Amino acid sequence: MEELELYLDTAKEMMEKAIIHTKQELAKIRAGKAMPNMLDVVKVDYYGSLTPLNQIAAVNSPDARTLFVKPWEKSMTSAIEKAIMNSDLGLNPQNDGEQIIINIPQLTEERRRDLVKQSKAVTEDGKISIRSARKDTNDELKKLQKDGLSEDLVKSGEDRVQDLTNAYNKKLDDLLIQKEQEIMTV
């Protein structure tokens, strides 16, 4: 019985990690609004090592269409500008010597639809991870049954795993709905 609970806890933990990962991936999908965390993926050559942008500069958003990147060392301004241009974010930074200004372009309807498709793909990857956790747990439960655990307990465990799977899939569906609304809102 103790092993059964251990496997269920492991399944829950794996499913929670799938949710966290999906949230992180969805956050990377730009919805046309200027958000400082958009630049979290940018790495800057900081004295020979690639360093996350948010560790060498302050990033803020004064309005829905603009980002300001203010380096803590003025000498890093051009390196930051170069890193942003080389990132796959499709942004065009402007360097005024003190800080970098990034204007976020308005998204077209077609681009919004593409972003929704991309969000659906990310969410489906999360669901695949959850199903994989369910399969692994059910396989372990079957092994426990072969080792002598009663069929009723195994069936009860499988039902609980399915309930977890349904709950976490619902969380992913809710995340997707929220992201779609964010993307499609002009």
C-alpha atoms as a PDB file:
ATOM      1  CA  MET A   1       0.000   0.000   0.000  1.00  0.00           C
ATOM      2  CA  GLU A   2       2.888   2.335   0.824  1.00  0.00           C
ATOM      3  CA  GLU A   3       4.492   1.655  -2.568  1.00  0.00           C
ATOM      4  CA  LEU A   4       1.169   2.426  -4.268  1.00  0.00           C
ATOM      5  CA  GLU A   5       1.064   5.882  -2.617  1.00  0.00           C
ATOM      6  CA  LEU A   6       4.693   6.438  -3.585  1.00  0.00           C
ATOM      7  CA  TYR A   7       3.921   5.767  -7.258  1.00  0.00           C
ATOM      8  CA  LEU A   8       0.873   8.029  -7.128  1.00  0.00           C
ATOM      9  CA  ASP A   9       2.949  10.839  -5.585  1.00  0.00           C
ATOM     10  CA  THR A  10       5.586  10.361  -8.284  1.00  0.00           C
ATOM     11  CA  ALA A  11       2.904  10.551 -10.990  1.00  0.00           C
ATOM     12  CA  LYS A  12       1.511  13.734  -9.475  1.00  0.00           C
ATOM     13  CA  GLU A  13       5.000  15.245  -9.330  1.00  0.00           C
ATOM     14  CA  MET A  14       5.697  14.373 -12.988  1.00  0.00           C
ATOM     15  CA  MET A  15       2.359  15.839 -14.066  1.00  0.00           C
ATOM     16  CA  GLU A  16       3.032  19.017 -12.078  1.00  0.00           C
ATOM     17  CA  LYS A  17       6.389  19.367 -13.843  1.00  0.00           C
ATOM     18  CA  ALA A  18       4.589  19.036 -17.194  1.00  0.00           C
ATOM     19  CA  ILE A  19       2.287  21.908 -16.193  1.00  0.00           C
ATOM     20  CA  ILE A  20       5.214  24.100 -15.101  1.00  0.00           C
ATOM     21  CA  HIS A  21       7.119  23.390 -18.306  1.00  0.00           C
ATOM     22  CA  THR A  22       4.061  24.131 -20.438  1.00  0.00           C
ATOM     23  CA  LYS A  23       3.524  27.445 -18.609  1.00  0.00           C
ATOM     24  CA  GLN A  24       7.136  28.400 -19.299  1.00  0.00           C
ATOM     25  CA  GLU A  25       6.823  27.495 -22.979  1.00  0.00           C
ATOM     26  CA  LEU A  26       3.540  29.392 -23.343  1.00  0.00           C
ATOM     27  CA  ALA A  27       5.125  32.451 -21.713  1.00  0.00           C
ATOM     28  CA  LYS A  28       7.701  32.493 -24.521  1.00  0.00           C
ATOM     29  CA  ILE A  29       4.965  32.891 -27.121  1.00  0.00           C
ATOM     30  CA  ARG A  30       4.657  36.602 -27.735  1.00  0.00           C
ATOM     31  CA  ALA A  31       1.106  37.889 -27.714  1.00  0.00           C
ATOM     32  CA  GLY A  32       1.838  41.335 -29.151  1.00  0.00           C
ATOM     33  CA  LYS A  33       2.156  42.998 -25.763  1.00  0.00           C
ATOM     34  CA  ALA A  34       5.482  44.206 -24.420  1.00  0.00           C
ATOM     35  CA  MET A  35       6.333  42.056 -21.411  1.00  0.00           C
ATOM     36  CA  PRO A  36       9.771  42.095 -19.743  1.00  0.00           C
ATOM     37  CA  ASN A  37       9.820  38.283 -19.496  1.00  0.00           C
ATOM     38  CA  MET A  38       9.833  38.121 -23.316  1.00  0.00           C
ATOM     39  CA  LEU A  39      13.566  38.744 -23.125  1.00  0.00           C
ATOM     40  CA  ASP A  40      14.268  35.988 -20.587  1.00  0.00           C
ATOM     41  CA  VAL A  41      15.535  33.738 -23.391  1.00  0.00           C
ATOM     42  CA  VAL A  42      18.169  36.288 -24.527  1.00  0.00           C
ATOM     43  CA  LYS A  43      21.735  35.429 -23.517  1.00  0.00           C
ATOM     44  CA  VAL A  44      24.443  38.109 -23.721  1.00  0.00           C
ATOM     45  CA  ASP A  45      28.192  37.606 -24.098  1.00  0.00           C
ATOM     46  CA  TYR A  46      29.238  39.065 -20.741  1.00  0.00           C
ATOM     47  CA  TYR A  47      33.021  38.960 -20.442  1.00  0.00           C
ATOM     48  CA  GLY A  48      33.291  35.636 -22.234  1.00  0.00           C
ATOM     49  CA  SER A  49      30.303  33.796 -20.784  1.00  0.00           C
ATOM     50  CA  LEU A  50      26.694  33.719 -21.957  1.00  0.00           C
ATOM     51  CA  THR A  51      24.631  35.400 -19.264  1.00  0.00           C
ATOM     52  CA  PRO A  52      20.836  35.869 -19.130  1.00  0.00           C
ATOM     53  CA  LEU A  53      19.889  39.434 -20.044  1.00  0.00           C
ATOM     54  CA  ASN A  54      17.940  39.989 -16.828  1.00  0.00           C
ATOM     55  CA  GLN A  55      21.179  39.463 -14.823  1.00  0.00           C
ATOM     56  CA  ILE A  56      23.054  42.317 -16.503  1.00  0.00           C
ATOM     57  CA  ALA A  57      20.279  44.825 -17.204  1.00  0.00           C
ATOM     58  CA  ALA A  58      16.943  46.087 -15.948  1.00  0.00           C
ATOM     59  CA  VAL A  59      14.074  45.353 -18.321  1.00  0.00           C
ATOM     60  CA  ASN A  60      10.811  47.246 -17.962  1.00  0.00           C
ATOM     61  CA  SER A  61       7.742  48.043 -19.974  1.00  0.00           C
ATOM     62  CA  PRO A  62       6.411  51.607 -19.740  1.00  0.00           C
ATOM     63  CA  ASP A  63       3.478  50.788 -22.035  1.00  0.00           C
ATOM     64  CA  ALA A  64       1.943  47.902 -24.012  1.00  0.00           C
ATOM     65  CA  ARG A  65       4.163  48.444 -27.074  1.00  0.00           C
ATOM     66  CA  THR A  66       7.612  49.337 -25.687  1.00  0.00           C
ATOM     67  CA  LEU A  67      10.401  47.681 -23.715  1.00  0.00           C
ATOM     68  CA  PHE A  68      13.339  49.531 -22.163  1.00  0.00           C
ATOM     69  CA  VAL A  69      16.543  47.624 -21.432  1.00  0.00           C
ATOM     70  CA  LYS A  70      18.883  49.592 -19.173  1.00  0.00           C
ATOM     71  CA  PRO A  71      22.255  47.858 -18.690  1.00  0.00           C
ATOM     72  CA  TRP A  72      23.957  48.149 -15.333  1.00  0.00           C
ATOM     73  CA  GLU A  73      27.225  48.734 -17.217  1.00  0.00           C
ATOM     74  CA  LYS A  74      27.069  51.210 -20.104  1.00  0.00           C
ATOM     75  CA  SER A  75      29.762  49.270 -21.972  1.00  0.00           C
ATOM     76  CA  MET A  76      27.347  46.341 -22.350  1.00  0.00           C
ATOM     77  CA  THR A  77      24.753  48.315 -24.354  1.00  0.00           C
ATOM     78  CA  SER A  78      26.011  47.256 -27.789  1.00  0.00           C
ATOM     79  CA  ALA A  79      26.501  43.615 -26.718  1.00  0.00           C
ATOM     80  CA  ILE A  80      22.922  43.526 -25.428  1.00  0.00           C
ATOM     81  CA  GLU A  81      21.612  45.097 -28.634  1.00  0.00           C
ATOM     82  CA  LYS A  82      23.486  42.487 -30.684  1.00  0.00           C
ATOM     83  CA  ALA A  83      22.171  39.609 -28.522  1.00  0.00           C
ATOM     84  CA  ILE A  84      18.575  40.808 -28.946  1.00  0.00           C
ATOM     85  CA  MET A  85      18.986  41.094 -32.724  1.00  0.00           C
ATOM     86  CA  ASN A  86      20.528  37.605 -32.917  1.00  0.00           C
ATOM     87  CA  SER A  87      17.770  36.047 -30.824  1.00  0.00           C
ATOM     88  CA  ASP A  88      14.905  34.431 -32.711  1.00  0.00           C
ATOM     89  CA  LEU A  89      12.387  36.868 -31.223  1.00  0.00           C
ATOM     90  CA  GLY A  90      12.189  38.987 -34.375  1.00  0.00           C
ATOM     91  CA  LEU A  91      12.704  42.246 -32.488  1.00  0.00           C
ATOM     92  CA  ASN A  92      14.489  45.334 -33.771  1.00  0.00           C
ATOM     93  CA  PRO A  93      16.245  47.084 -30.860  1.00  0.00           C
ATOM     94  CA  GLN A  94      17.316  50.733 -30.992  1.00  0.00           C
ATOM     95  CA  ASN A  95      20.358  51.851 -29.013  1.00  0.00           C
ATOM     96  CA  ASP A  96      20.374  55.444 -27.750  1.00  0.00           C
ATOM     97  CA  GLY A  97      23.726  55.086 -25.957  1.00  0.00           C
ATOM     98  CA  GLU A  98      22.192  54.843 -22.474  1.00  0.00           C
ATOM     99  CA  GLN A  99      19.572  52.155 -22.955  1.00  0.00           C
ATOM    100  CA  ILE A 100      17.970  49.967 -25.588  1.00  0.00           C
ATOM    101  CA  ILE A 101      14.445  50.690 -26.748  1.00  0.00           C
ATOM    102  CA  ILE A 102      12.404  47.922 -28.340  1.00  0.00           C
ATOM    103  CA  ASN A 103       9.116  48.699 -30.058  1.00  0.00           C
ATOM    104  CA  ILE A 104       6.828  45.674 -30.271  1.00  0.00           C
ATOM    105  CA  PRO A 105       4.970  45.610 -33.593  1.00  0.00           C
ATOM    106  CA  GLN A 106       1.223  45.041 -33.782  1.00  0.00           C
ATOM    107  CA  LEU A 107       0.399  41.430 -34.701  1.00  0.00           C
ATOM    108  CA  THR A 108      -1.537  40.664 -37.866  1.00  0.00           C
ATOM    109  CA  GLU A 109      -4.588  38.396 -37.760  1.00  0.00           C
ATOM    110  CA  GLU A 110      -2.654  35.663 -39.608  1.00  0.00           C
ATOM    111  CA  ARG A 111       0.237  35.883 -37.150  1.00  0.00           C
ATOM    112  CA  ARG A 112      -2.207  35.658 -34.220  1.00  0.00           C
ATOM    113  CA  ARG A 113      -3.660  32.457 -35.683  1.00  0.00           C
ATOM    114  CA  ASP A 114      -0.152  31.028 -36.081  1.00  0.00           C
ATOM    115  CA  LEU A 115       0.593  31.829 -32.437  1.00  0.00           C
ATOM    116  CA  VAL A 116      -2.623  30.089 -31.365  1.00  0.00           C
ATOM    117  CA  LYS A 117      -1.546  26.994 -33.350  1.00  0.00           C
ATOM    118  CA  GLN A 118       1.865  27.158 -31.702  1.00  0.00           C
ATOM    119  CA  SER A 119       0.186  27.410 -28.275  1.00  0.00           C
ATOM    120  CA  LYS A 120      -1.952  24.364 -29.064  1.00  0.00           C
ATOM    121  CA  ALA A 121       1.171  22.400 -30.031  1.00  0.00           C
ATOM    122  CA  VAL A 122       2.909  23.358 -26.770  1.00  0.00           C
ATOM    123  CA  THR A 123      -0.172  22.337 -24.789  1.00  0.00           C
ATOM    124  CA  GLU A 124      -0.384  19.017 -26.644  1.00  0.00           C
ATOM    125  CA  ASP A 125       3.256  18.330 -25.720  1.00  0.00           C
ATOM    126  CA  GLY A 126       2.271  18.892 -22.091  1.00  0.00           C
ATOM    127  CA  LYS A 127      -0.616  16.444 -22.452  1.00  0.00           C
ATOM    128  CA  ILE A 128       1.748  13.872 -23.960  1.00  0.00           C
ATOM    129  CA  SER A 129       4.005  14.246 -20.903  1.00  0.00           C
ATOM    130  CA  ILE A 130       1.019  13.735 -18.617  1.00  0.00           C
ATOM    131  CA  ARG A 131      -0.102  10.629 -20.522  1.00  0.00           C
ATOM    132  CA  SER A 132       3.444   9.309 -20.341  1.00  0.00           C
ATOM    133  CA  ALA A 133       3.442   9.769 -16.552  1.00  0.00           C
ATOM    134  CA  ARG A 134       0.099   7.920 -16.400  1.00  0.00           C
ATOM    135  CA  LYS A 135       1.456   5.028 -18.497  1.00  0.00           C
ATOM    136  CA  ASP A 136       4.638   4.742 -16.412  1.00  0.00           C
ATOM    137  CA  THR A 137       2.640   4.719 -13.187  1.00  0.00           C
ATOM    138  CA  ASN A 138       0.150   2.150 -14.460  1.00  0.00           C
ATOM    139  CA  ASP A 139       3.042  -0.085 -15.575  1.00  0.00           C
ATOM    140  CA  GLU A 140       4.530   0.140 -12.074  1.00  0.00           C
ATOM    141  CA  LEU A 141       1.142  -0.710 -10.564  1.00  0.00           C
ATOM    142  CA  LYS A 142       0.908  -3.812 -12.776  1.00  0.00           C
ATOM    143  CA  LYS A 143       4.347  -4.867 -11.512  1.00  0.00           C
ATOM    144  CA  LEU A 144       3.096  -4.454  -7.944  1.00  0.00           C
ATOM    145  CA  GLN A 145       0.143  -6.686  -8.779  1.00  0.00           C
ATOM    146  CA  LYS A 146       2.525  -9.368 -10.062  1.00  0.00           C
ATOM    147  CA  ASP A 147       4.467  -9.006  -6.809  1.00  0.00           C
ATOM    148  CA  GLY A 148       1.349  -9.758  -4.790  1.00  0.00           C
ATOM    149  CA  LEU A 149      -0.661  -6.547  -4.394  1.00  0.00           C
ATOM    150  CA  SER A 150      -4.386  -7.218  -4.631  1.00  0.00           C
ATOM    151  CA  GLU A 151      -6.198  -6.566  -7.907  1.00  0.00           C
ATOM    152  CA  ASP A 152      -8.681  -4.256  -6.155  1.00  0.00           C
ATOM    153  CA  LEU A 153      -5.906  -2.015  -4.833  1.00  0.00           C
ATOM    154  CA  VAL A 154      -4.248  -1.885  -8.254  1.00  0.00           C
ATOM    155  CA  LYS A 155      -7.591  -1.007  -9.910  1.00  0.00           C
ATOM    156  CA  SER A 156      -8.179   1.685  -7.278  1.00  0.00           C
ATOM    157  CA  GLY A 157      -4.676   3.049  -7.956  1.00  0.00           C
ATOM    158  CA  GLU A 158      -5.276   3.106 -11.708  1.00  0.00           C
ATOM    159  CA  ASP A 159      -8.536   4.991 -11.147  1.00  0.00           C
ATOM    160  CA  ARG A 160      -6.709   7.557  -9.014  1.00  0.00           C
ATOM    161  CA  VAL A 161      -4.019   7.933 -11.684  1.00  0.00           C
ATOM    162  CA  GLN A 162      -6.737   8.522 -14.286  1.00  0.00           C
ATOM    163  CA  ASP A 163      -8.356  11.135 -12.032  1.00  0.00           C
ATOM    164  CA  LEU A 164      -4.978  12.888 -11.738  1.00  0.00           C
ATOM    165  CA  THR A 165      -4.544  12.715 -15.510  1.00  0.00           C
ATOM    166  CA  ASN A 166      -7.969  14.260 -16.090  1.00  0.00           C
ATOM    167  CA  ALA A 167      -7.323  17.025 -13.554  1.00  0.00           C
ATOM    168  CA  TYR A 168      -3.959  17.974 -15.047  1.00  0.00           C
ATOM    169  CA  ASN A 169      -5.292  17.830 -18.617  1.00  0.00           C
ATOM    170  CA  LYS A 170      -8.035  20.242 -17.496  1.00  0.00           C
ATOM    171  CA  LYS A 171      -5.352  22.591 -16.133  1.00  0.00           C
ATOM    172  CA  LEU A 172      -3.608  22.494 -19.507  1.00  0.00           C
ATOM    173  CA  ASP A 173      -6.877  23.187 -21.327  1.00  0.00           C
ATOM    174  CA  ASP A 174      -7.460  26.189 -19.050  1.00  0.00           C
ATOM    175  CA  LEU A 175      -3.935  27.487 -19.745  1.00  0.00           C
ATOM    176  CA  LEU A 176      -4.566  27.159 -23.478  1.00  0.00           C
ATOM    177  CA  ILE A 177      -7.882  29.025 -23.302  1.00  0.00           C
ATOM    178  CA  GLN A 178      -6.210  31.808 -21.326  1.00  0.00           C
ATOM    179  CA  LYS A 179      -3.315  32.054 -23.813  1.00  0.00           C
ATOM    180  CA  GLU A 180      -5.689  32.057 -26.819  1.00  0.00           C
ATOM    181  CA  GLN A 181      -7.637  34.943 -25.310  1.00  0.00           C
ATOM    182  CA  GLU A 182      -4.389  36.801 -24.647  1.00  0.00           C
ATOM    183  CA  ILE A 183      -3.197  36.305 -28.225  1.00  0.00           C
ATOM    184  CA  MET A 184      -6.490  37.099 -29.965  1.00  0.00           C
ATOM    185  CA  THR A 185      -7.200  40.243 -27.911  1.00  0.00           C
ATOM    186  CA  VAL A 186      -6.210  43.248 -29.988  1.00  0.00           C
END
